[in-house]
Amino acid sequence: DNKSAQAISNLLYETLERKGINSEIRTTDEYNEN
């Protein structure tokens, strides 16, 4: 519901990726225990 949240999530994802860390982007409707 936050207009800038997806773009900032992508920035965080790219920051982690540059540092060799894998991550997954999900909305707050897509929680899982993994």
PDB file of all heavy atoms in Angstrom:
ATOM      1  N   ASP A   1       0.817  -1.211   0.000  1.00  0.00           N
ATOM      2  CA  ASP A   1       0.000   0.000   0.000  1.00  0.00           C
ATOM      3  C   ASP A   1       0.856   1.270   0.000  1.00  0.00           C
ATOM      4  O   ASP A   1       0.337   2.359  -0.200  1.00  0.00           O
ATOM      5  CB  ASP A   1      -0.926   0.022   1.226  1.00  0.00           C
ATOM      6  CG  ASP A   1      -1.953  -1.102   1.183  1.00  0.00           C
ATOM      7  OD1 ASP A   1      -2.315  -1.537   0.065  1.00  0.00           O
ATOM      8  OD2 ASP A   1      -2.377  -1.543   2.261  1.00  0.00           O
ATOM      9  N   ASN A   2       2.157   1.125   0.247  1.00  0.00           N
ATOM     10  CA  ASN A   2       3.068   2.266   0.234  1.00  0.00           C
ATOM     11  C   ASN A   2       3.645   2.413  -1.170  1.00  0.00           C
ATOM     12  O   ASN A   2       4.267   1.494  -1.698  1.00  0.00           O
ATOM     13  CB  ASN A   2       4.179   2.036   1.267  1.00  0.00           C
ATOM     14  CG  ASN A   2       5.094   3.213   1.416  1.00  0.00           C
ATOM     15  OD1 ASN A   2       5.646   3.710   0.434  1.00  0.00           O
ATOM     16  ND2 ASN A   2       5.283   3.655   2.639  1.00  0.00           N
ATOM     17  N   LYS A   3       3.458   3.579  -1.764  1.00  0.00           N
ATOM     18  CA  LYS A   3       3.837   3.794  -3.168  1.00  0.00           C
ATOM     19  C   LYS A   3       5.329   3.604  -3.442  1.00  0.00           C
ATOM     20  O   LYS A   3       5.722   3.151  -4.500  1.00  0.00           O
ATOM     21  CB  LYS A   3       3.410   5.181  -3.606  1.00  0.00           C
ATOM     22  CG  LYS A   3       1.913   5.331  -3.690  1.00  0.00           C
ATOM     23  CD  LYS A   3       1.538   6.732  -4.116  1.00  0.00           C
ATOM     24  CE  LYS A   3       0.124   6.857  -4.396  1.00  0.00           C
ATOM     25  NZ  LYS A   3      -0.907   7.157  -3.754  1.00  0.00           N
ATOM     26  N   SER A   4       6.194   3.940  -2.509  1.00  0.00           N
ATOM     27  CA  SER A   4       7.637   3.848  -2.745  1.00  0.00           C
ATOM     28  C   SER A   4       8.243   2.527  -2.273  1.00  0.00           C
ATOM     29  O   SER A   4       9.406   2.245  -2.532  1.00  0.00           O
ATOM     30  CB  SER A   4       8.362   5.005  -2.062  1.00  0.00           C
ATOM     31  OG  SER A   4       8.165   4.942  -0.663  1.00  0.00           O
ATOM     32  N   ALA A   5       7.458   1.690  -1.602  1.00  0.00           N
ATOM     33  CA  ALA A   5       7.993   0.492  -0.954  1.00  0.00           C
ATOM     34  C   ALA A   5       8.605  -0.509  -1.927  1.00  0.00           C
ATOM     35  O   ALA A   5       9.656  -1.075  -1.647  1.00  0.00           O
ATOM     36  CB  ALA A   5       6.917  -0.173  -0.110  1.00  0.00           C
ATOM     37  N   GLN A   6       7.978  -0.729  -3.066  1.00  0.00           N
ATOM     38  CA  GLN A   6       8.524  -1.719  -3.994  1.00  0.00           C
ATOM     39  C   GLN A   6       9.863  -1.259  -4.567  1.00  0.00           C
ATOM     40  O   GLN A   6      10.802  -2.042  -4.664  1.00  0.00           O
ATOM     41  CB  GLN A   6       7.545  -2.035  -5.117  1.00  0.00           C
ATOM     42  CG  GLN A   6       8.053  -3.176  -5.981  1.00  0.00           C
ATOM     43  CD  GLN A   6       7.013  -3.710  -6.940  1.00  0.00           C
ATOM     44  OE1 GLN A   6       5.949  -3.138  -7.110  1.00  0.00           O
ATOM     45  NE2 GLN A   6       7.324  -4.819  -7.560  1.00  0.00           N
ATOM     46  N   ALA A   7       9.979   0.012  -4.915  1.00  0.00           N
ATOM     47  CA  ALA A   7      11.241   0.532  -5.446  1.00  0.00           C
ATOM     48  C   ALA A   7      12.358   0.438  -4.406  1.00  0.00           C
ATOM     49  O   ALA A   7      13.490   0.064  -4.725  1.00  0.00           O
ATOM     50  CB  ALA A   7      11.066   1.975  -5.910  1.00  0.00           C
ATOM     51  N   ILE A   8      12.045   0.735  -3.158  1.00  0.00           N
ATOM     52  CA  ILE A   8      13.050   0.654  -2.100  1.00  0.00           C
ATOM     53  C   ILE A   8      13.394  -0.803  -1.813  1.00  0.00           C
ATOM     54  O   ILE A   8      14.549  -1.133  -1.533  1.00  0.00           O
ATOM     55  CB  ILE A   8      12.585   1.420  -0.858  1.00  0.00           C
ATOM     56  CG1 ILE A   8      12.460   2.909  -1.220  1.00  0.00           C
ATOM     57  CG2 ILE A   8      13.539   1.229   0.308  1.00  0.00           C
ATOM     58  CD1 ILE A   8      11.759   3.752  -0.190  1.00  0.00           C
ATOM     59  N   SER A   9      12.413  -1.702  -1.931  1.00  0.00           N
ATOM     60  CA  SER A   9      12.687  -3.137  -1.788  1.00  0.00           C
ATOM     61  C   SER A   9      13.673  -3.595  -2.862  1.00  0.00           C
ATOM     62  O   SER A   9      14.589  -4.372  -2.582  1.00  0.00           O
ATOM     63  CB  SER A   9      11.404  -3.952  -1.904  1.00  0.00           C
ATOM     64  OG  SER A   9      10.552  -3.687  -0.842  1.00  0.00           O
ATOM     65  N   ASN A  10      13.479  -3.114  -4.081  1.00  0.00           N
ATOM     66  CA  ASN A  10      14.405  -3.451  -5.168  1.00  0.00           C
ATOM     67  C   ASN A  10      15.805  -2.925  -4.876  1.00  0.00           C
ATOM     68  O   ASN A  10      16.797  -3.613  -5.140  1.00  0.00           O
ATOM     69  CB  ASN A  10      13.898  -2.902  -6.497  1.00  0.00           C
ATOM     70  CG  ASN A  10      12.657  -3.621  -6.981  1.00  0.00           C
ATOM     71  OD1 ASN A  10      12.400  -4.766  -6.621  1.00  0.00           O
ATOM     72  ND2 ASN A  10      11.862  -2.944  -7.791  1.00  0.00           N
ATOM     73  N   LEU A  11      15.905  -1.727  -4.319  1.00  0.00           N
ATOM     74  CA  LEU A  11      17.202  -1.162  -3.941  1.00  0.00           C
ATOM     75  C   LEU A  11      17.877  -2.030  -2.883  1.00  0.00           C
ATOM     76  O   LEU A  11      19.073  -2.323  -2.985  1.00  0.00           O
ATOM     77  CB  LEU A  11      17.017   0.267  -3.430  1.00  0.00           C
ATOM     78  CG  LEU A  11      18.249   0.939  -2.845  1.00  0.00           C
ATOM     79  CD1 LEU A  11      19.291   1.205  -3.932  1.00  0.00           C
ATOM     80  CD2 LEU A  11      17.869   2.234  -2.150  1.00  0.00           C
ATOM     81  N   LEU A  12      17.131  -2.463  -1.888  1.00  0.00           N
ATOM     82  CA  LEU A  12      17.674  -3.341  -0.844  1.00  0.00           C
ATOM     83  C   LEU A  12      18.124  -4.666  -1.450  1.00  0.00           C
ATOM     84  O   LEU A  12      19.208  -5.170  -1.149  1.00  0.00           O
ATOM     85  CB  LEU A  12      16.650  -3.565   0.264  1.00  0.00           C
ATOM     86  CG  LEU A  12      17.030  -4.542   1.368  1.00  0.00           C
ATOM     87  CD1 LEU A  12      18.338  -4.159   2.041  1.00  0.00           C
ATOM     88  CD2 LEU A  12      15.897  -4.626   2.387  1.00  0.00           C
ATOM     89  N   TYR A  13      17.302  -5.232  -2.316  1.00  0.00           N
ATOM     90  CA  TYR A  13      17.646  -6.484  -2.995  1.00  0.00           C
ATOM     91  C   TYR A  13      18.965  -6.332  -3.754  1.00  0.00           C
ATOM     92  O   TYR A  13      19.858  -7.183  -3.653  1.00  0.00           O
ATOM     93  CB  TYR A  13      16.516  -6.872  -3.945  1.00  0.00           C
ATOM     94  CG  TYR A  13      16.806  -8.106  -4.767  1.00  0.00           C
ATOM     95  CD1 TYR A  13      16.509  -9.366  -4.277  1.00  0.00           C
ATOM     96  CD2 TYR A  13      17.383  -8.008  -6.030  1.00  0.00           C
ATOM     97  CE1 TYR A  13      16.774 -10.507  -5.019  1.00  0.00           C
ATOM     98  CE2 TYR A  13      17.654  -9.138  -6.780  1.00  0.00           C
ATOM     99  CZ  TYR A  13      17.351 -10.383  -6.275  1.00  0.00           C
ATOM    100  OH  TYR A  13      17.624 -11.497  -7.006  1.00  0.00           O
ATOM    101  N   GLU A  14      19.113  -5.260  -4.519  1.00  0.00           N
ATOM    102  CA  GLU A  14      20.337  -5.021  -5.290  1.00  0.00           C
ATOM    103  C   GLU A  14      21.540  -4.794  -4.382  1.00  0.00           C
ATOM    104  O   GLU A  14      22.647  -5.257  -4.680  1.00  0.00           O
ATOM    105  CB  GLU A  14      20.136  -3.823  -6.222  1.00  0.00           C
ATOM    106  CG  GLU A  14      19.145  -4.105  -7.335  1.00  0.00           C
ATOM    107  CD  GLU A  14      18.661  -2.849  -8.037  1.00  0.00           C
ATOM    108  OE1 GLU A  14      19.142  -1.735  -7.741  1.00  0.00           O
ATOM    109  OE2 GLU A  14      17.749  -2.994  -8.898  1.00  0.00           O
ATOM    110  N   THR A  15      21.339  -4.115  -3.268  1.00  0.00           N
ATOM    111  CA  THR A  15      22.418  -3.893  -2.301  1.00  0.00           C
ATOM    112  C   THR A  15      22.905  -5.225  -1.743  1.00  0.00           C
ATOM    113  O   THR A  15      24.120  -5.479  -1.669  1.00  0.00           O
ATOM    114  CB  THR A  15      21.931  -2.979  -1.154  1.00  0.00           C
ATOM    115  OG1 THR A  15      21.532  -1.725  -1.704  1.00  0.00           O
ATOM    116  CG2 THR A  15      23.019  -2.762  -0.121  1.00  0.00           C
ATOM    117  N   LEU A  16      21.981  -6.092  -1.363  1.00  0.00           N
ATOM    118  CA  LEU A  16      22.358  -7.413  -0.847  1.00  0.00           C
ATOM    119  C   LEU A  16      23.046  -8.243  -1.926  1.00  0.00           C
ATOM    120  O   LEU A  16      24.051  -8.912  -1.649  1.00  0.00           O
ATOM    121  CB  LEU A  16      21.117  -8.143  -0.318  1.00  0.00           C
ATOM    122  CG  LEU A  16      20.509  -7.588   0.966  1.00  0.00           C
ATOM    123  CD1 LEU A  16      19.111  -8.135   1.187  1.00  0.00           C
ATOM    124  CD2 LEU A  16      21.405  -7.882   2.153  1.00  0.00           C
ATOM    125  N   GLU A  17      22.516  -8.195  -3.128  1.00  0.00           N
ATOM    126  CA  GLU A  17      23.089  -8.965  -4.234  1.00  0.00           C
ATOM    127  C   GLU A  17      24.540  -8.543  -4.519  1.00  0.00           C
ATOM    128  O   GLU A  17      25.408  -9.388  -4.738  1.00  0.00           O
ATOM    129  CB  GLU A  17      22.222  -8.781  -5.473  1.00  0.00           C
ATOM    130  CG  GLU A  17      22.579  -9.732  -6.602  1.00  0.00           C
ATOM    131  CD  GLU A  17      21.575  -9.630  -7.742  1.00  0.00           C
ATOM    132  OE1 GLU A  17      21.594  -8.598  -8.451  1.00  0.00           O
ATOM    133  OE2 GLU A  17      20.799 -10.582  -7.909  1.00  0.00           O
ATOM    134  N   ARG A  18      24.816  -7.234  -4.510  1.00  0.00           N
ATOM    135  CA  ARG A  18      26.189  -6.734  -4.721  1.00  0.00           C
ATOM    136  C   ARG A  18      27.151  -7.252  -3.662  1.00  0.00           C
ATOM    137  O   ARG A  18      28.342  -7.377  -3.900  1.00  0.00           O
ATOM    138  CB  ARG A  18      26.216  -5.200  -4.716  1.00  0.00           C
ATOM    139  CG  ARG A  18      25.854  -4.561  -6.017  1.00  0.00           C
ATOM    140  CD  ARG A  18      26.220  -3.081  -6.052  1.00  0.00           C
ATOM    141  NE  ARG A  18      25.798  -2.315  -4.901  1.00  0.00           N
ATOM    142  CZ  ARG A  18      24.596  -1.770  -4.735  1.00  0.00           C
ATOM    143  NH1 ARG A  18      23.675  -1.907  -5.661  1.00  0.00           N
ATOM    144  NH2 ARG A  18      24.321  -1.076  -3.649  1.00  0.00           N
ATOM    145  N   LYS A  19      26.621  -7.549  -2.493  1.00  0.00           N
ATOM    146  CA  LYS A  19      27.461  -8.034  -1.392  1.00  0.00           C
ATOM    147  C   LYS A  19      27.470  -9.554  -1.319  1.00  0.00           C
ATOM    148  O   LYS A  19      27.957 -10.135  -0.366  1.00  0.00           O
ATOM    149  CB  LYS A  19      26.985  -7.408  -0.079  1.00  0.00           C
ATOM    150  CG  LYS A  19      27.160  -5.891  -0.104  1.00  0.00           C
ATOM    151  CD  LYS A  19      26.592  -5.229   1.099  1.00  0.00           C
ATOM    152  CE  LYS A  19      26.641  -3.726   0.990  1.00  0.00           C
ATOM    153  NZ  LYS A  19      27.948  -3.136   0.869  1.00  0.00           N
ATOM    154  N   GLY A  20      26.911 -10.204  -2.343  1.00  0.00           N
ATOM    155  CA  GLY A  20      26.936 -11.662  -2.424  1.00  0.00           C
ATOM    156  C   GLY A  20      25.876 -12.360  -1.604  1.00  0.00           C
ATOM    157  O   GLY A  20      25.991 -13.553  -1.315  1.00  0.00           O
ATOM    158  N   ILE A  21      24.807 -11.649  -1.244  1.00  0.00           N
ATOM    159  CA  ILE A  21      23.750 -12.215  -0.416  1.00  0.00           C
ATOM    160  C   ILE A  21      22.489 -12.379  -1.253  1.00  0.00           C
ATOM    161  O   ILE A  21      22.007 -11.431  -1.866  1.00  0.00           O
ATOM    162  CB  ILE A  21      23.438 -11.306   0.793  1.00  0.00           C
ATOM    163  CG1 ILE A  21      24.691 -11.070   1.633  1.00  0.00           C
ATOM    164  CG2 ILE A  21      22.300 -11.877   1.626  1.00  0.00           C
ATOM    165  CD1 ILE A  21      25.258 -12.294   2.289  1.00  0.00           C
ATOM    166  N   ASN A  22      21.943 -13.592  -1.257  1.00  0.00           N
ATOM    167  CA  ASN A  22      20.690 -13.854  -1.957  1.00  0.00           C
ATOM    168  C   ASN A  22      19.517 -13.502  -1.058  1.00  0.00           C
ATOM    169  O   ASN A  22      19.556 -13.741   0.148  1.00  0.00           O
ATOM    170  CB  ASN A  22      20.593 -15.334  -2.350  1.00  0.00           C
ATOM    171  CG  ASN A  22      21.633 -15.714  -3.374  1.00  0.00           C
ATOM    172  OD1 ASN A  22      21.927 -14.955  -4.288  1.00  0.00           O
ATOM    173  ND2 ASN A  22      22.206 -16.891  -3.217  1.00  0.00           N
ATOM    174  N   SER A  23      18.491 -12.954  -1.659  1.00  0.00           N
ATOM    175  CA  SER A  23      17.284 -12.626  -0.907  1.00  0.00           C
ATOM    176  C   SER A  23      16.087 -12.744  -1.839  1.00  0.00           C
ATOM    177  O   SER A  23      16.239 -12.905  -3.049  1.00  0.00           O
ATOM    178  CB  SER A  23      17.381 -11.215  -0.321  1.00  0.00           C
ATOM    179  OG  SER A  23      17.526 -10.261  -1.349  1.00  0.00           O
ATOM    180  N   GLU A  24      14.919 -12.686  -1.248  1.00  0.00           N
ATOM    181  CA  GLU A  24      13.668 -12.725  -2.007  1.00  0.00           C
ATOM    182  C   GLU A  24      12.805 -11.561  -1.578  1.00  0.00           C
ATOM    183  O   GLU A  24      12.714 -11.256  -0.387  1.00  0.00           O
ATOM    184  CB  GLU A  24      12.915 -14.030  -1.738  1.00  0.00           C
ATOM    185  CG  GLU A  24      13.625 -15.258  -2.238  1.00  0.00           C
ATOM    186  CD  GLU A  24      12.842 -16.533  -1.952  1.00  0.00           C
ATOM    187  OE1 GLU A  24      11.866 -16.494  -1.165  1.00  0.00           O
ATOM    188  OE2 GLU A  24      13.208 -17.568  -2.516  1.00  0.00           O
ATOM    189  N   ILE A  25      12.141 -10.938  -2.545  1.00  0.00           N
ATOM    190  CA  ILE A  25      11.215  -9.844  -2.257  1.00  0.00           C
ATOM    191  C   ILE A  25       9.799 -10.399  -2.239  1.00  0.00           C
ATOM    192  O   ILE A  25       9.389 -11.127  -3.142  1.00  0.00           O
ATOM    193  CB  ILE A  25      11.329  -8.737  -3.314  1.00  0.00           C
ATOM    194  CG1 ILE A  25      12.737  -8.142  -3.324  1.00  0.00           C
ATOM    195  CG2 ILE A  25      10.284  -7.651  -3.058  1.00  0.00           C
ATOM    196  CD1 ILE A  25      12.964  -7.123  -4.423  1.00  0.00           C
ATOM    197  N   ARG A  26       9.062 -10.039  -1.200  1.00  0.00           N
ATOM    198  CA  ARG A  26       7.682 -10.484  -1.038  1.00  0.00           C
ATOM    199  C   ARG A  26       6.854  -9.319  -0.488  1.00  0.00           C
ATOM    200  O   ARG A  26       7.386  -8.440   0.170  1.00  0.00           O
ATOM    201  CB  ARG A  26       7.593 -11.634  -0.046  1.00  0.00           C
ATOM    202  CG  ARG A  26       8.498 -12.789  -0.380  1.00  0.00           C
ATOM    203  CD  ARG A  26       7.682 -13.993  -0.544  1.00  0.00           C
ATOM    204  NE  ARG A  26       8.519 -15.138  -0.842  1.00  0.00           N
ATOM    205  CZ  ARG A  26       8.252 -15.947  -1.821  1.00  0.00           C
ATOM    206  NH1 ARG A  26       7.220 -15.750  -2.591  1.00  0.00           N
ATOM    207  NH2 ARG A  26       9.019 -16.995  -2.054  1.00  0.00           N
ATOM    208  N   THR A  27       5.565  -9.372  -0.712  1.00  0.00           N
ATOM    209  CA  THR A  27       4.693  -8.400  -0.059  1.00  0.00           C
ATOM    210  C   THR A  27       4.368  -8.918   1.337  1.00  0.00           C
ATOM    211  O   THR A  27       4.647 -10.073   1.665  1.00  0.00           O
ATOM    212  CB  THR A  27       3.380  -8.186  -0.848  1.00  0.00           C
ATOM    213  OG1 THR A  27       2.594  -9.377  -0.768  1.00  0.00           O
ATOM    214  CG2 THR A  27       3.661  -7.821  -2.298  1.00  0.00           C
ATOM    215  N   THR A  28       3.745  -8.077   2.120  1.00  0.00           N
ATOM    216  CA  THR A  28       3.381  -8.498   3.475  1.00  0.00           C
ATOM    217  C   THR A  28       2.178  -9.439   3.479  1.00  0.00           C
ATOM    218  O   THR A  28       1.716  -9.845   4.540  1.00  0.00           O
ATOM    219  CB  THR A  28       3.101  -7.274   4.372  1.00  0.00           C
ATOM    220  OG1 THR A  28       2.154  -6.418   3.722  1.00  0.00           O
ATOM    221  CG2 THR A  28       4.378  -6.511   4.650  1.00  0.00           C
ATOM    222  N   ASP A  29       1.702  -9.818   2.308  1.00  0.00           N
ATOM    223  CA  ASP A  29       0.677 -10.856   2.194  1.00  0.00           C
ATOM    224  C   ASP A  29       1.297 -12.216   1.885  1.00  0.00           C
ATOM    225  O   ASP A  29       0.580 -13.200   1.717  1.00  0.00           O
ATOM    226  CB  ASP A  29      -0.321 -10.522   1.073  1.00  0.00           C
ATOM    227  CG  ASP A  29      -1.178  -9.322   1.418  1.00  0.00           C
ATOM    228  OD1 ASP A  29      -1.412  -9.072   2.616  1.00  0.00           O
ATOM    229  OD2 ASP A  29      -1.617  -8.628   0.479  1.00  0.00           O
ATOM    230  N   GLU A  30       2.619 -12.274   1.777  1.00  0.00           N
ATOM    231  CA  GLU A  30       3.300 -13.493   1.330  1.00  0.00           C
ATOM    232  C   GLU A  30       4.315 -14.017   2.348  1.00  0.00           C
ATOM    233  O   GLU A  30       5.384 -14.477   1.980  1.00  0.00           O
ATOM    234  CB  GLU A  30       4.023 -13.213   0.007  1.00  0.00           C
ATOM    235  CG  GLU A  30       3.109 -12.760  -1.098  1.00  0.00           C
ATOM    236  CD  GLU A  30       3.866 -12.383  -2.358  1.00  0.00           C
ATOM    237  OE1 GLU A  30       4.825 -11.590  -2.274  1.00  0.00           O
ATOM    238  OE2 GLU A  30       3.487 -12.898  -3.422  1.00  0.00           O
ATOM    239  N   TYR A  31       3.996 -13.976   3.615  1.00  0.00           N
ATOM    240  CA  TYR A  31       4.899 -14.494   4.633  1.00  0.00           C
ATOM    241  C   TYR A  31       5.011 -16.011   4.520  1.00  0.00           C
ATOM    242  O   TYR A  31       4.056 -16.693   4.170  1.00  0.00           O
ATOM    243  CB  TYR A  31       4.386 -14.181   6.038  1.00  0.00           C
ATOM    244  CG  TYR A  31       4.288 -12.719   6.374  1.00  0.00           C
ATOM    245  CD1 TYR A  31       3.127 -12.196   6.917  1.00  0.00           C
ATOM    246  CD2 TYR A  31       5.360 -11.868   6.179  1.00  0.00           C
ATOM    247  CE1 TYR A  31       3.033 -10.865   7.256  1.00  0.00           C
ATOM    248  CE2 TYR A  31       5.270 -10.531   6.516  1.00  0.00           C
ATOM    249  CZ  TYR A  31       4.110 -10.039   7.048  1.00  0.00           C
ATOM    250  OH  TYR A  31       4.015  -8.718   7.378  1.00  0.00           O
ATOM    251  N   ASN A  32       6.187 -16.532   4.828  1.00  0.00           N
ATOM    252  CA  ASN A  32       6.361 -17.966   5.042  1.00  0.00           C
ATOM    253  C   ASN A  32       7.532 -18.160   5.990  1.00  0.00           C
ATOM    254  O   ASN A  32       8.299 -17.237   6.241  1.00  0.00           O
ATOM    255  CB  ASN A  32       6.527 -18.740   3.723  1.00  0.00           C
ATOM    256  CG  ASN A  32       7.798 -18.411   2.999  1.00  0.00           C
ATOM    257  OD1 ASN A  32       8.884 -18.576   3.540  1.00  0.00           O
ATOM    258  ND2 ASN A  32       7.684 -17.948   1.769  1.00  0.00           N
ATOM    259  N   GLU A  33       7.655 -19.346   6.517  1.00  0.00           N
ATOM    260  CA  GLU A  33       8.647 -19.596   7.571  1.00  0.00           C
ATOM    261  C   GLU A  33      10.045 -19.920   7.052  1.00  0.00           C
ATOM    262  O   GLU A  33      10.911 -20.300   7.820  1.00  0.00           O
ATOM    263  CB  GLU A  33       8.164 -20.708   8.508  1.00  0.00           C
ATOM    264  CG  GLU A  33       8.040 -22.063   7.874  1.00  0.00           C
ATOM    265  CD  GLU A  33       6.716 -22.316   7.157  1.00  0.00           C
ATOM    266  OE1 GLU A  33       5.873 -21.431   7.040  1.00  0.00           O
ATOM    267  OE2 GLU A  33       6.565 -23.457   6.695  1.00  0.00           O
ATOM    268  N   ASN A  34      10.316 -19.735   5.779  1.00  0.00           N
ATOM    269  CA  ASN A  34      11.585 -20.155   5.185  1.00  0.00           C
ATOM    270  C   ASN A  34      12.742 -19.177   5.355  1.00  0.00           C
ATOM    271  O   ASN A  34      13.774 -19.361   4.736  1.00  0.00           O
ATOM    272  CB  ASN A  34      11.392 -20.418   3.689  1.00  0.00           C
ATOM    273  CG  ASN A  34      10.449 -21.570   3.450  1.00  0.00           C
ATOM    274  OD1 ASN A  34      10.347 -22.475   4.266  1.00  0.00           O
ATOM    275  ND2 ASN A  34       9.746 -21.530   2.348  1.00  0.00           N
TER     276      ASN A  34
END
